[in-house]
Each structure stands twice: as C-alpha cells, then as structure tokens.
Amino acid sequence: MTKRALITGITGQDGSYLAELLLDKGYEVHGIIRRCSTFNTSRIDHLYQDPHDPDARLFLHYGDLTDASRLVTLLDKVCPQEVYHLAAQSHVRVSFDEPEYTGDTTGVGTTRLLEAIRMIGLDTRFYQASSSEMFGATPPPQSEITPFYPRSPYGAAKVYGYWMTRNYREGHGLFAVNGILFNHESPRRGETFVTRKLARAAARIKLGMEKHVYMGNLDAVRDWGYAPEYVEGMWRMLQHDEPDDYVLATGTAYTVRDFAEHCFGRVGLDWRDHVKFDKTYLRPTEVDSLVGDASKVSDLLGWKAETLMPRLAEIMVDAEIWACGASGRPAR
C-alpha cells in the first residue's frame, strides 16, 4: 500500500524538500497551508499536480496551528501513517517582537497537533521539528543529553514543544520523535535569514544591483548544514523501530563572518567592503555558539551530513547569481 504522510509547514524550506523526498519514495503527500490572499506556494509549485489527475500524489489543505478543531478534522480525513510537524513562527529575531504569537504557534501549536492525534486514536508516527536554539547559552558541543537554556521566545517555545512530544510518547504511547536540528540552509531559505541574506547580497552586489548589506552580530558561531540532507534524517527517524530523539548537525563551527567571507569570496569580492553593521539586527539576548554532536544518529540511523559550510555558501551564492542574472528576482 502507498504510504500517506502529512506535512505541516510544507511551503517552507524544509517542507518543500521533504515533500520532494517523500514523493520520490512513492508516498502520497498531504500538506497544510495557511489561507492567504496571495499564493505562498512558490517553493512547491514545481511539485503541483492537478488533484483531479488520477495519478496525483500531492494534496494541499487549508489549516492553521491555532485552530485545534481543524487539525482534528484534517487528521481524521487524511489518516496519515506519518506526520511531519515543521510549521512554526521560525524567525528567532522576530520572536522577540512577537513572543505571544510565537508561543501560540511554535509551542502550543505542537500540543494541539499531538492532542488531535490522541483524541481520534490515530495510529501514526509523529516527527517534531525541534531546534538547536533550545540549547541557547549552554556551551558546545551540544547533544541529546545537553541541558536546554533557551535565549529567545522561539527557543523557549521549541523547548515546550520538545517536552510535550516526549510527554505524549511516554504518557500516551505515541510514536513521537524530536529531531533537534542545527542550522540547515539552502537557496530556498527565507530572504531575511542570515545565510540567504548574505548569499543574495553577494550576488546582487556583484551584478551591480546593490552596494551594501546590513548585518548584526558577526561573531555568532553556528553549525551550518544543507537542508536536503537534513530532511533525509527526519525520514529515517520515523522508519526506526523505536521512537527516540536525535541531533542532526555537521559538528563544524563557523562564524557569521566566515559565512560572509565565503559568500563574497565566491564572486571575487571582499566582504569587508560591503557588509555594514546595524544594531537593529542584534537580539536582546544573543546565542554565542551552537555546534552539534550527531554521533547518536550516525550510529543508530546511519545518517551523516556531507555538505559543510564552505560548499553550502557556494551552492547558495551560485543559485542567487543564476536567478538574479536570469530574472532580477531572488532564487527559489
């Protein structure tokens, strides 16, 4: 029988790559999207199939993490064997401006989904997109046993979602796992996220479309991987015999400054001539260093990150050069 999966956040970076992966594996894929007056499906438009086509395997449904009754209705209708919960207010800096909304969607939204599964007695496997931001101020390397110390409303909301996932696993017997993913990027990353912002700026400055880009903390250390590889790790977690929690990371450390240097170096420019400081982009509480230890997932599931930051920067800048040169618009 064809496996059926439901993805929240299917229109995001990870959701689009995961949808591709699952369709390639023969799944029937259902995604939840928010109602909007304009189309917001650009990352998955290339996957679209007319739902009237008898061979269609991708279906989209309107829904929202703040609407518990709708989640119950959708889960009961779709009856997925696997649920990948990726939707969230995912911008860390914005979470300081919208802490209540971030908590309601990123944190309590996870509970609504878990409770909907429990209420209807759905036999499914549940993936929760946890985050390295949960570790916050705890020094690296960070693994599955590292204490959480979130330094943002986003990180705190993710900690809540993490523990609710474990509670439903331990208290209600759900097959529920937490994927604690460290930073993972791609040309599909949102334009306001630091990696895409730098890659896009390097391309546009090289092409004479801009002169400068404004950034905040250049000293922050992050563990950057490639998003398509990380969604493979998500899938592997739900194929394992027993539910558990796993860190996905490269185990390498680079600063934002390093990323800027690689992006601008790719197009033959010196980043110091074009990157300007703007305190607006600083967080009220900074996270100095996030570097993951992914030995558990490597040992148990055979997953390992292959693409490291220098190559990632090249991939992202090349995509921006092609897109900006071809159409003057950012890469998709």
C-alpha atoms as a PDB file:
ATOM      1  CA  MET A   1       0.000   0.000   0.000  1.00  0.00           C
ATOM      2  CA  THR A   2       1.109   3.581  -0.686  1.00  0.00           C
ATOM      3  CA  LYS A   3       2.261   5.332   2.462  1.00  0.00           C
ATOM      4  CA  ARG A   4       0.499   8.586   3.299  1.00  0.00           C
ATOM      5  CA  ALA A   5       2.249  11.497   5.035  1.00  0.00           C
ATOM      6  CA  LEU A   6       1.009  14.840   6.333  1.00  0.00           C
ATOM      7  CA  ILE A   7       3.408  17.798   6.468  1.00  0.00           C
ATOM      8  CA  THR A   8       2.734  20.986   8.394  1.00  0.00           C
ATOM      9  CA  GLY A   9       4.853  23.827   7.040  1.00  0.00           C
ATOM     10  CA  ILE A  10       5.021  22.224   3.601  1.00  0.00           C
ATOM     11  CA  THR A  11       5.543  25.611   1.931  1.00  0.00           C
ATOM     12  CA  GLY A  12       8.716  26.298   3.929  1.00  0.00           C
ATOM     13  CA  GLN A  13      12.287  25.368   3.098  1.00  0.00           C
ATOM     14  CA  ASP A  14      12.272  22.026   4.899  1.00  0.00           C
ATOM     15  CA  GLY A  15       8.694  21.214   3.948  1.00  0.00           C
ATOM     16  CA  SER A  16       9.402  21.596   0.251  1.00  0.00           C
ATOM     17  CA  TYR A  17      12.498  19.381   0.340  1.00  0.00           C
ATOM     18  CA  LEU A  18      10.696  16.809   2.479  1.00  0.00           C
ATOM     19  CA  ALA A  19       7.755  16.735   0.066  1.00  0.00           C
ATOM     20  CA  GLU A  20      10.187  16.071  -2.790  1.00  0.00           C
ATOM     21  CA  LEU A  21      11.865  13.273  -0.842  1.00  0.00           C
ATOM     22  CA  LEU A  22       8.607  11.561   0.099  1.00  0.00           C
ATOM     23  CA  LEU A  23       7.161  11.810  -3.405  1.00  0.00           C
ATOM     24  CA  ASP A  24      10.369  10.273  -4.763  1.00  0.00           C
ATOM     25  CA  LYS A  25       9.889   7.416  -2.293  1.00  0.00           C
ATOM     26  CA  GLY A  26       6.366   6.778  -3.582  1.00  0.00           C
ATOM     27  CA  TYR A  27       4.382   8.444  -0.782  1.00  0.00           C
ATOM     28  CA  GLU A  28       1.067  10.196  -1.080  1.00  0.00           C
ATOM     29  CA  VAL A  29       1.816  13.609   0.446  1.00  0.00           C
ATOM     30  CA  HIS A  30      -0.652  15.974   2.105  1.00  0.00           C
ATOM     31  CA  GLY A  31       0.339  19.445   3.229  1.00  0.00           C
ATOM     32  CA  ILE A  32      -1.286  22.057   5.430  1.00  0.00           C
ATOM     33  CA  ILE A  33      -1.148  25.640   4.156  1.00  0.00           C
ATOM     34  CA  ARG A  34      -2.496  28.859   5.626  1.00  0.00           C
ATOM     35  CA  ARG A  35      -5.150  30.799   3.741  1.00  0.00           C
ATOM     36  CA  CYS A  36      -3.652  33.909   2.165  1.00  0.00           C
ATOM     37  CA  SER A  37      -4.898  36.488  -0.346  1.00  0.00           C
ATOM     38  CA  THR A  38      -1.832  35.788  -2.483  1.00  0.00           C
ATOM     39  CA  PHE A  39      -0.236  32.498  -3.433  1.00  0.00           C
ATOM     40  CA  ASN A  40       2.511  31.455  -0.992  1.00  0.00           C
ATOM     41  CA  THR A  41       3.413  28.096  -2.520  1.00  0.00           C
ATOM     42  CA  SER A  42       6.423  29.118  -4.608  1.00  0.00           C
ATOM     43  CA  ARG A  43       8.741  26.503  -3.067  1.00  0.00           C
ATOM     44  CA  ILE A  44       6.431  23.637  -4.042  1.00  0.00           C
ATOM     45  CA  ASP A  45       4.902  24.915  -7.300  1.00  0.00           C
ATOM     46  CA  HIS A  46       7.166  22.583  -9.272  1.00  0.00           C
ATOM     47  CA  LEU A  47       5.595  19.636  -7.418  1.00  0.00           C
ATOM     48  CA  TYR A  48       2.000  20.652  -8.116  1.00  0.00           C
ATOM     49  CA  GLN A  49      -0.340  18.094  -9.625  1.00  0.00           C
ATOM     50  CA  ASP A  50      -3.951  18.675 -10.587  1.00  0.00           C
ATOM     51  CA  PRO A  51      -5.893  16.914  -7.807  1.00  0.00           C
ATOM     52  CA  HIS A  52      -8.293  15.644 -10.491  1.00  0.00           C
ATOM     53  CA  ASP A  53      -5.457  13.681 -12.073  1.00  0.00           C
ATOM     54  CA  PRO A  54      -5.851  10.026 -11.043  1.00  0.00           C
ATOM     55  CA  ASP A  55      -2.075   9.816 -10.604  1.00  0.00           C
ATOM     56  CA  ALA A  56      -1.859  12.858  -8.298  1.00  0.00           C
ATOM     57  CA  ARG A  57       0.010  12.228  -5.049  1.00  0.00           C
ATOM     58  CA  LEU A  58       0.345  15.764  -3.632  1.00  0.00           C
ATOM     59  CA  PHE A  59      -2.660  17.387  -1.963  1.00  0.00           C
ATOM     60  CA  LEU A  60      -2.876  20.689  -0.082  1.00  0.00           C
ATOM     61  CA  HIS A  61      -5.363  21.586   2.662  1.00  0.00           C
ATOM     62  CA  TYR A  62      -6.099  24.877   4.382  1.00  0.00           C
ATOM     63  CA  GLY A  63      -5.427  24.849   8.102  1.00  0.00           C
ATOM     64  CA  ASP A  64      -3.686  26.650  10.950  1.00  0.00           C
ATOM     65  CA  LEU A  65      -1.888  25.558  14.106  1.00  0.00           C
ATOM     66  CA  THR A  66      -4.092  27.912  16.145  1.00  0.00           C
ATOM     67  CA  ASP A  67      -7.259  26.063  15.065  1.00  0.00           C
ATOM     68  CA  ALA A  68      -7.479  22.807  17.023  1.00  0.00           C
ATOM     69  CA  SER A  69     -10.807  21.678  15.549  1.00  0.00           C
ATOM     70  CA  ARG A  70      -9.444  21.996  12.022  1.00  0.00           C
ATOM     71  CA  LEU A  71      -6.430  19.872  12.926  1.00  0.00           C
ATOM     72  CA  VAL A  72      -8.735  17.160  14.255  1.00  0.00           C
ATOM     73  CA  THR A  73     -10.820  17.253  11.076  1.00  0.00           C
ATOM     74  CA  LEU A  74      -7.798  17.095   8.775  1.00  0.00           C
ATOM     75  CA  LEU A  75      -6.085  14.250  10.596  1.00  0.00           C
ATOM     76  CA  ASP A  76      -9.307  12.253  10.655  1.00  0.00           C
ATOM     77  CA  LYS A  77      -9.830  12.866   6.932  1.00  0.00           C
ATOM     78  CA  VAL A  78      -6.273  12.201   5.733  1.00  0.00           C
ATOM     79  CA  CYS A  79      -5.371   9.383   8.187  1.00  0.00           C
ATOM     80  CA  PRO A  80      -1.613   9.671   7.565  1.00  0.00           C
ATOM     81  CA  GLN A  81       0.807   6.956   8.621  1.00  0.00           C
ATOM     82  CA  GLU A  82       3.419   9.662   9.217  1.00  0.00           C
ATOM     83  CA  VAL A  83       3.051  13.266  10.422  1.00  0.00           C
ATOM     84  CA  TYR A  84       5.948  15.698   9.993  1.00  0.00           C
ATOM     85  CA  HIS A  85       5.376  18.801  12.089  1.00  0.00           C
ATOM     86  CA  LEU A  86       7.569  21.542  10.631  1.00  0.00           C
ATOM     87  CA  ALA A  87       5.305  24.609  10.832  1.00  0.00           C
ATOM     88  CA  ALA A  88       6.241  27.395  13.230  1.00  0.00           C
ATOM     89  CA  GLN A  89       6.997  31.076  13.577  1.00  0.00           C
ATOM     90  CA  SER A  90      10.611  30.220  12.896  1.00  0.00           C
ATOM     91  CA  HIS A  91      12.491  33.523  12.809  1.00  0.00           C
ATOM     92  CA  VAL A  92      14.438  33.891  16.059  1.00  0.00           C
ATOM     93  CA  ARG A  93      14.852  37.684  15.916  1.00  0.00           C
ATOM     94  CA  VAL A  94      11.156  38.194  15.098  1.00  0.00           C
ATOM     95  CA  SER A  95      10.193  36.043  18.093  1.00  0.00           C
ATOM     96  CA  PHE A  96      11.379  38.841  20.383  1.00  0.00           C
ATOM     97  CA  ASP A  97       8.915  41.188  18.685  1.00  0.00           C
ATOM     98  CA  GLU A  98       6.072  38.650  18.649  1.00  0.00           C
ATOM     99  CA  PRO A  99       6.632  36.436  21.715  1.00  0.00           C
ATOM    100  CA  GLU A 100       2.964  35.613  22.327  1.00  0.00           C
ATOM    101  CA  TYR A 101       2.289  34.628  18.718  1.00  0.00           C
ATOM    102  CA  THR A 102       5.499  32.595  18.642  1.00  0.00           C
ATOM    103  CA  GLY A 103       4.477  30.732  21.793  1.00  0.00           C
ATOM    104  CA  ASP A 104       0.971  30.082  20.463  1.00  0.00           C
ATOM    105  CA  THR A 105       2.098  28.658  17.125  1.00  0.00           C
ATOM    106  CA  THR A 106       5.556  27.225  17.732  1.00  0.00           C
ATOM    107  CA  GLY A 107       4.832  25.902  21.223  1.00  0.00           C
ATOM    108  CA  VAL A 108       1.126  25.341  21.854  1.00  0.00           C
ATOM    109  CA  GLY A 109       0.534  24.507  18.189  1.00  0.00           C
ATOM    110  CA  THR A 110       2.555  21.337  18.735  1.00  0.00           C
ATOM    111  CA  THR A 111       0.290  20.365  21.626  1.00  0.00           C
ATOM    112  CA  ARG A 112      -2.826  20.936  19.516  1.00  0.00           C
ATOM    113  CA  LEU A 113      -1.494  18.573  16.882  1.00  0.00           C
ATOM    114  CA  LEU A 114      -0.448  15.898  19.368  1.00  0.00           C
ATOM    115  CA  GLU A 115      -3.763  16.121  21.188  1.00  0.00           C
ATOM    116  CA  ALA A 116      -5.663  15.820  17.905  1.00  0.00           C
ATOM    117  CA  ILE A 117      -3.768  12.596  17.157  1.00  0.00           C
ATOM    118  CA  ARG A 118      -4.554  11.263  20.625  1.00  0.00           C
ATOM    119  CA  MET A 119      -8.231  12.288  20.519  1.00  0.00           C
ATOM    120  CA  ILE A 120      -9.056  10.448  17.304  1.00  0.00           C
ATOM    121  CA  GLY A 121      -6.852   7.472  18.167  1.00  0.00           C
ATOM    122  CA  LEU A 122      -4.797   7.868  15.004  1.00  0.00           C
ATOM    123  CA  ASP A 123      -2.129   5.205  14.519  1.00  0.00           C
ATOM    124  CA  THR A 124       0.668   7.343  13.136  1.00  0.00           C
ATOM    125  CA  ARG A 125       4.308   8.249  13.591  1.00  0.00           C
ATOM    126  CA  PHE A 126       4.941  11.856  14.602  1.00  0.00           C
ATOM    127  CA  TYR A 127       8.013  13.987  13.921  1.00  0.00           C
ATOM    128  CA  GLN A 128       8.539  17.208  15.881  1.00  0.00           C
ATOM    129  CA  ALA A 129      10.921  19.778  14.408  1.00  0.00           C
ATOM    130  CA  SER A 130      12.927  20.743  17.460  1.00  0.00           C
ATOM    131  CA  SER A 131      15.810  23.201  17.236  1.00  0.00           C
ATOM    132  CA  SER A 132      19.381  23.812  18.346  1.00  0.00           C
ATOM    133  CA  GLU A 133      18.100  27.167  19.646  1.00  0.00           C
ATOM    134  CA  MET A 134      16.783  25.203  22.640  1.00  0.00           C
ATOM    135  CA  PHE A 135      20.389  24.886  23.873  1.00  0.00           C
ATOM    136  CA  GLY A 136      20.929  28.651  23.790  1.00  0.00           C
ATOM    137  CA  ALA A 137      23.572  29.573  26.352  1.00  0.00           C
ATOM    138  CA  THR A 138      24.715  26.005  27.089  1.00  0.00           C
ATOM    139  CA  PRO A 139      28.299  25.618  25.773  1.00  0.00           C
ATOM    140  CA  PRO A 140      29.022  23.321  22.802  1.00  0.00           C
ATOM    141  CA  PRO A 141      29.251  20.630  21.715  1.00  0.00           C
ATOM    142  CA  GLN A 142      25.533  20.021  22.232  1.00  0.00           C
ATOM    143  CA  SER A 143      23.995  16.561  22.068  1.00  0.00           C
ATOM    144  CA  GLU A 144      20.759  14.825  23.066  1.00  0.00           C
ATOM    145  CA  ILE A 145      21.783  14.925  26.750  1.00  0.00           C
ATOM    146  CA  THR A 146      22.862  18.581  26.839  1.00  0.00           C
ATOM    147  CA  PRO A 147      20.690  20.759  29.140  1.00  0.00           C
ATOM    148  CA  PHE A 148      18.462  23.327  27.468  1.00  0.00           C
ATOM    149  CA  TYR A 149      18.986  27.041  28.134  1.00  0.00           C
ATOM    150  CA  PRO A 150      16.945  28.927  25.509  1.00  0.00           C
ATOM    151  CA  ARG A 151      17.764  32.578  24.908  1.00  0.00           C
ATOM    152  CA  SER A 152      14.765  33.636  22.807  1.00  0.00           C
ATOM    153  CA  PRO A 153      10.973  33.243  22.775  1.00  0.00           C
ATOM    154  CA  TYR A 154      11.460  30.960  19.782  1.00  0.00           C
ATOM    155  CA  GLY A 155      13.900  28.731  21.669  1.00  0.00           C
ATOM    156  CA  ALA A 156      11.611  28.633  24.720  1.00  0.00           C
ATOM    157  CA  ALA A 157       8.617  27.703  22.550  1.00  0.00           C
ATOM    158  CA  LYS A 158      10.620  24.903  20.951  1.00  0.00           C
ATOM    159  CA  VAL A 159      11.578  23.575  24.396  1.00  0.00           C
ATOM    160  CA  TYR A 160       7.873  23.417  25.265  1.00  0.00           C
ATOM    161  CA  GLY A 161       7.125  21.544  22.034  1.00  0.00           C
ATOM    162  CA  TYR A 162      10.024  19.159  22.693  1.00  0.00           C
ATOM    163  CA  TRP A 163       8.781  18.207  26.151  1.00  0.00           C
ATOM    164  CA  MET A 164       5.165  17.889  25.020  1.00  0.00           C
ATOM    165  CA  THR A 165       6.315  15.483  22.324  1.00  0.00           C
ATOM    166  CA  ARG A 166       8.144  13.407  24.926  1.00  0.00           C
ATOM    167  CA  ASN A 167       5.145  13.531  27.253  1.00  0.00           C
ATOM    168  CA  TYR A 168       2.809  12.197  24.568  1.00  0.00           C
ATOM    169  CA  ARG A 169       5.333   9.483  23.762  1.00  0.00           C
ATOM    170  CA  GLU A 170       5.819   8.421  27.360  1.00  0.00           C
ATOM    171  CA  GLY A 171       2.316   9.125  28.676  1.00  0.00           C
ATOM    172  CA  HIS A 172       0.105   8.119  25.754  1.00  0.00           C
ATOM    173  CA  GLY A 173       2.297   5.679  23.864  1.00  0.00           C
ATOM    174  CA  LEU A 174       2.537   7.742  20.674  1.00  0.00           C
ATOM    175  CA  PHE A 175       5.357   7.027  18.262  1.00  0.00           C
ATOM    176  CA  ALA A 176       6.705  10.557  18.597  1.00  0.00           C
ATOM    177  CA  VAL A 177      10.264  11.731  17.970  1.00  0.00           C
ATOM    178  CA  ASN A 178      12.161  15.004  18.294  1.00  0.00           C
ATOM    179  CA  GLY A 179      14.618  15.933  15.590  1.00  0.00           C
ATOM    180  CA  ILE A 180      16.934  18.515  17.158  1.00  0.00           C
ATOM    181  CA  LEU A 181      18.255  20.113  14.005  1.00  0.00           C
ATOM    182  CA  PHE A 182      21.129  22.548  13.949  1.00  0.00           C
ATOM    183  CA  ASN A 183      21.163  25.302  11.330  1.00  0.00           C
ATOM    184  CA  HIS A 184      20.490  23.939   7.863  1.00  0.00           C
ATOM    185  CA  GLU A 185      20.276  26.164   4.813  1.00  0.00           C
ATOM    186  CA  SER A 186      19.663  26.185   1.057  1.00  0.00           C
ATOM    187  CA  PRO A 187      18.685  28.503  -1.795  1.00  0.00           C
ATOM    188  CA  ARG A 188      15.101  28.094  -0.539  1.00  0.00           C
ATOM    189  CA  ARG A 189      15.855  29.686   2.829  1.00  0.00           C
ATOM    190  CA  GLY A 190      13.796  32.813   3.567  1.00  0.00           C
ATOM    191  CA  GLU A 191      15.367  36.071   2.428  1.00  0.00           C
ATOM    192  CA  THR A 192      15.531  37.574   5.939  1.00  0.00           C
ATOM    193  CA  PHE A 193      17.571  34.687   7.391  1.00  0.00           C
ATOM    194  CA  VAL A 194      21.259  35.492   7.753  1.00  0.00           C
ATOM    195  CA  THR A 195      22.644  32.922   5.292  1.00  0.00           C
ATOM    196  CA  ARG A 196      20.235  33.725   2.473  1.00  0.00           C
ATOM    197  CA  LYS A 197      20.611  37.428   3.168  1.00  0.00           C
ATOM    198  CA  LEU A 198      24.373  37.200   2.712  1.00  0.00           C
ATOM    199  CA  ALA A 199      24.236  34.927  -0.340  1.00  0.00           C
ATOM    200  CA  ARG A 200      21.646  37.146  -2.009  1.00  0.00           C
ATOM    201  CA  ALA A 201      23.606  40.310  -1.200  1.00  0.00           C
ATOM    202  CA  ALA A 202      26.840  38.905  -2.611  1.00  0.00           C
ATOM    203  CA  ALA A 203      25.129  38.050  -5.895  1.00  0.00           C
ATOM    204  CA  ARG A 204      23.241  41.315  -6.225  1.00  0.00           C
ATOM    205  CA  ILE A 205      26.278  43.438  -5.343  1.00  0.00           C
ATOM    206  CA  LYS A 206      28.381  41.543  -7.871  1.00  0.00           C
ATOM    207  CA  LEU A 207      25.735  42.230 -10.520  1.00  0.00           C
ATOM    208  CA  GLY A 208      25.590  45.915  -9.609  1.00  0.00           C
ATOM    209  CA  MET A 209      22.067  45.713  -8.192  1.00  0.00           C
ATOM    210  CA  GLU A 210      23.062  46.751  -4.641  1.00  0.00           C
ATOM    211  CA  LYS A 211      26.077  48.216  -2.845  1.00  0.00           C
ATOM    212  CA  HIS A 212      25.815  47.129   0.790  1.00  0.00           C
ATOM    213  CA  VAL A 213      24.094  44.705   3.151  1.00  0.00           C
ATOM    214  CA  TYR A 214      23.417  45.447   6.818  1.00  0.00           C
ATOM    215  CA  MET A 215      24.040  42.777   9.452  1.00  0.00           C
ATOM    216  CA  GLY A 216      24.029  42.341  13.224  1.00  0.00           C
ATOM    217  CA  ASN A 217      26.285  40.018  15.235  1.00  0.00           C
ATOM    218  CA  LEU A 218      29.070  38.689  13.005  1.00  0.00           C
ATOM    219  CA  ASP A 219      30.759  36.773  15.830  1.00  0.00           C
ATOM    220  CA  ALA A 220      27.950  34.244  16.402  1.00  0.00           C
ATOM    221  CA  VAL A 221      29.183  30.680  15.838  1.00  0.00           C
ATOM    222  CA  ARG A 222      26.894  28.214  14.097  1.00  0.00           C
ATOM    223  CA  ASP A 223      26.909  24.655  12.758  1.00  0.00           C
ATOM    224  CA  TRP A 224      25.570  25.013   9.200  1.00  0.00           C
ATOM    225  CA  GLY A 225      24.421  22.088   7.058  1.00  0.00           C
ATOM    226  CA  TYR A 226      22.470  21.545   3.826  1.00  0.00           C
ATOM    227  CA  ALA A 227      18.688  21.275   4.169  1.00  0.00           C
ATOM    228  CA  PRO A 228      18.046  18.457   1.628  1.00  0.00           C
ATOM    229  CA  GLU A 229      20.343  16.186   3.646  1.00  0.00           C
ATOM    230  CA  TYR A 230      18.544  17.032   6.885  1.00  0.00           C
ATOM    231  CA  VAL A 231      15.082  16.058   5.645  1.00  0.00           C
ATOM    232  CA  GLU A 232      16.519  12.619   4.859  1.00  0.00           C
ATOM    233  CA  GLY A 233      17.421  12.436   8.553  1.00  0.00           C
ATOM    234  CA  MET A 234      13.843  13.331   9.522  1.00  0.00           C
ATOM    235  CA  TRP A 235      12.508  10.485   7.403  1.00  0.00           C
ATOM    236  CA  ARG A 236      14.972   7.994   8.857  1.00  0.00           C
ATOM    237  CA  MET A 237      13.827   8.825  12.390  1.00  0.00           C
ATOM    238  CA  LEU A 238      10.280   7.687  11.583  1.00  0.00           C
ATOM    239  CA  GLN A 239      11.478   4.458   9.940  1.00  0.00           C
ATOM    240  CA  HIS A 240      13.305   3.268  13.062  1.00  0.00           C
ATOM    241  CA  ASP A 241      11.750   0.529  15.207  1.00  0.00           C
ATOM    242  CA  GLU A 242      11.541   2.664  18.354  1.00  0.00           C
ATOM    243  CA  PRO A 243      10.810   6.388  18.803  1.00  0.00           C
ATOM    244  CA  ASP A 244      13.674   8.470  20.152  1.00  0.00           C
ATOM    245  CA  ASP A 245      15.226  11.930  19.957  1.00  0.00           C
ATOM    246  CA  TYR A 246      18.171  12.804  17.711  1.00  0.00           C
ATOM    247  CA  VAL A 247      20.526  15.696  16.993  1.00  0.00           C
ATOM    248  CA  LEU A 248      21.280  16.410  13.327  1.00  0.00           C
ATOM    249  CA  ALA A 249      24.409  18.501  12.786  1.00  0.00           C
ATOM    250  CA  THR A 250      27.693  18.662  10.913  1.00  0.00           C
ATOM    251  CA  GLY A 251      29.847  19.069  14.029  1.00  0.00           C
ATOM    252  CA  THR A 252      31.697  22.015  12.466  1.00  0.00           C
ATOM    253  CA  ALA A 253      31.863  25.606  13.734  1.00  0.00           C
ATOM    254  CA  TYR A 254      31.874  28.784  11.661  1.00  0.00           C
ATOM    255  CA  THR A 255      31.067  32.406  12.450  1.00  0.00           C
ATOM    256  CA  VAL A 256      28.649  34.604  10.535  1.00  0.00           C
ATOM    257  CA  ARG A 257      31.764  36.489   9.465  1.00  0.00           C
ATOM    258  CA  ASP A 258      33.130  33.247   7.952  1.00  0.00           C
ATOM    259  CA  PHE A 259      29.906  32.766   6.016  1.00  0.00           C
ATOM    260  CA  ALA A 260      30.081  36.327   4.706  1.00  0.00           C
ATOM    261  CA  GLU A 261      33.698  35.822   3.631  1.00  0.00           C
ATOM    262  CA  HIS A 262      32.842  32.648   1.695  1.00  0.00           C
ATOM    263  CA  CYS A 263      29.782  34.198   0.025  1.00  0.00           C
ATOM    264  CA  PHE A 264      31.573  37.302  -1.190  1.00  0.00           C
ATOM    265  CA  GLY A 265      34.720  35.358  -1.999  1.00  0.00           C
ATOM    266  CA  ARG A 266      32.659  33.189  -4.351  1.00  0.00           C
ATOM    267  CA  VAL A 267      32.057  36.236  -6.553  1.00  0.00           C
ATOM    268  CA  GLY A 268      35.528  37.725  -6.127  1.00  0.00           C
ATOM    269  CA  LEU A 269      34.619  40.459  -3.658  1.00  0.00           C
ATOM    270  CA  ASP A 270      35.936  41.405  -0.225  1.00  0.00           C
ATOM    271  CA  TRP A 271      33.041  41.201   2.227  1.00  0.00           C
ATOM    272  CA  ARG A 272      34.541  43.981   4.352  1.00  0.00           C
ATOM    273  CA  ASP A 273      33.806  46.465   1.566  1.00  0.00           C
ATOM    274  CA  HIS A 274      30.093  45.683   1.539  1.00  0.00           C
ATOM    275  CA  VAL A 275      28.879  44.362   4.923  1.00  0.00           C
ATOM    276  CA  LYS A 276      27.763  47.124   7.290  1.00  0.00           C
ATOM    277  CA  PHE A 277      26.705  46.901  10.927  1.00  0.00           C
ATOM    278  CA  ASP A 278      23.182  47.755  12.090  1.00  0.00           C
ATOM    279  CA  LYS A 279      22.259  47.249  15.752  1.00  0.00           C
ATOM    280  CA  THR A 280      18.627  46.704  14.717  1.00  0.00           C
ATOM    281  CA  TYR A 281      19.559  43.140  13.838  1.00  0.00           C
ATOM    282  CA  LEU A 282      21.007  42.308  17.244  1.00  0.00           C
ATOM    283  CA  ARG A 283      18.964  40.080  19.541  1.00  0.00           C
ATOM    284  CA  PRO A 284      18.216  41.244  23.105  1.00  0.00           C
ATOM    285  CA  THR A 285      19.949  38.041  24.260  1.00  0.00           C
ATOM    286  CA  GLU A 286      22.496  36.503  21.930  1.00  0.00           C
ATOM    287  CA  VAL A 287      23.369  32.837  21.444  1.00  0.00           C
ATOM    288  CA  ASP A 288      27.149  32.741  21.135  1.00  0.00           C
ATOM    289  CA  SER A 289      27.854  29.232  19.886  1.00  0.00           C
ATOM    290  CA  LEU A 290      25.866  26.246  18.631  1.00  0.00           C
ATOM    291  CA  VAL A 291      27.825  23.189  17.453  1.00  0.00           C
ATOM    292  CA  GLY A 292      26.151  19.793  17.405  1.00  0.00           C
ATOM    293  CA  ASP A 293      27.269  16.267  18.219  1.00  0.00           C
ATOM    294  CA  ALA A 294      25.391  13.972  15.822  1.00  0.00           C
ATOM    295  CA  SER A 295      27.145  10.731  16.780  1.00  0.00           C
ATOM    296  CA  LYS A 296      23.910   9.114  18.021  1.00  0.00           C
ATOM    297  CA  VAL A 297      22.044   9.477  14.732  1.00  0.00           C
ATOM    298  CA  SER A 298      25.138   8.341  12.860  1.00  0.00           C
ATOM    299  CA  ASP A 299      25.464   5.193  14.972  1.00  0.00           C
ATOM    300  CA  LEU A 300      21.757   4.254  15.071  1.00  0.00           C
ATOM    301  CA  LEU A 301      20.365   5.514  11.759  1.00  0.00           C
ATOM    302  CA  GLY A 302      23.462   5.798   9.568  1.00  0.00           C
ATOM    303  CA  TRP A 303      22.892   9.487   8.848  1.00  0.00           C
ATOM    304  CA  LYS A 304      25.794  11.879   8.335  1.00  0.00           C
ATOM    305  CA  ALA A 305      25.970  15.431   6.973  1.00  0.00           C
ATOM    306  CA  GLU A 306      28.038  15.613   3.799  1.00  0.00           C
ATOM    307  CA  THR A 307      27.849  19.285   2.805  1.00  0.00           C
ATOM    308  CA  LEU A 308      29.785  21.688   5.042  1.00  0.00           C
ATOM    309  CA  MET A 309      29.587  25.466   5.217  1.00  0.00           C
ATOM    310  CA  PRO A 310      32.129  26.444   2.523  1.00  0.00           C
ATOM    311  CA  ARG A 311      30.356  24.318  -0.089  1.00  0.00           C
ATOM    312  CA  LEU A 312      26.943  25.413   1.212  1.00  0.00           C
ATOM    313  CA  ALA A 313      27.859  29.065   0.693  1.00  0.00           C
ATOM    314  CA  GLU A 314      28.899  28.284  -2.883  1.00  0.00           C
ATOM    315  CA  ILE A 315      25.608  26.499  -3.598  1.00  0.00           C
ATOM    316  CA  MET A 316      23.569  29.393  -2.255  1.00  0.00           C
ATOM    317  CA  VAL A 317      25.535  32.148  -3.999  1.00  0.00           C
ATOM    318  CA  ASP A 318      25.534  30.255  -7.325  1.00  0.00           C
ATOM    319  CA  ALA A 319      21.742  29.900  -7.113  1.00  0.00           C
ATOM    320  CA  GLU A 320      21.387  33.634  -6.459  1.00  0.00           C
ATOM    321  CA  ILE A 321      23.698  34.559  -9.331  1.00  0.00           C
ATOM    322  CA  TRP A 322      21.702  32.399 -11.716  1.00  0.00           C
ATOM    323  CA  ALA A 323      18.320  33.680 -10.525  1.00  0.00           C
ATOM    324  CA  CYS A 324      19.288  37.341 -10.328  1.00  0.00           C
ATOM    325  CA  GLY A 325      21.110  37.222 -13.643  1.00  0.00           C
ATOM    326  CA  ALA A 326      18.220  35.491 -15.371  1.00  0.00           C
ATOM    327  CA  SER A 327      15.294  37.450 -13.979  1.00  0.00           C
ATOM    328  CA  GLY A 328      16.426  40.014 -11.425  1.00  0.00           C
ATOM    329  CA  ARG A 329      14.449  38.145  -8.803  1.00  0.00           C
ATOM    330  CA  PRO A 330      15.713  36.099  -5.831  1.00  0.00           C
ATOM    331  CA  ALA A 331      16.286  32.352  -6.123  1.00  0.00           C
ATOM    332  CA  ARG A 332      13.570  29.850  -5.355  1.00  0.00           C
END
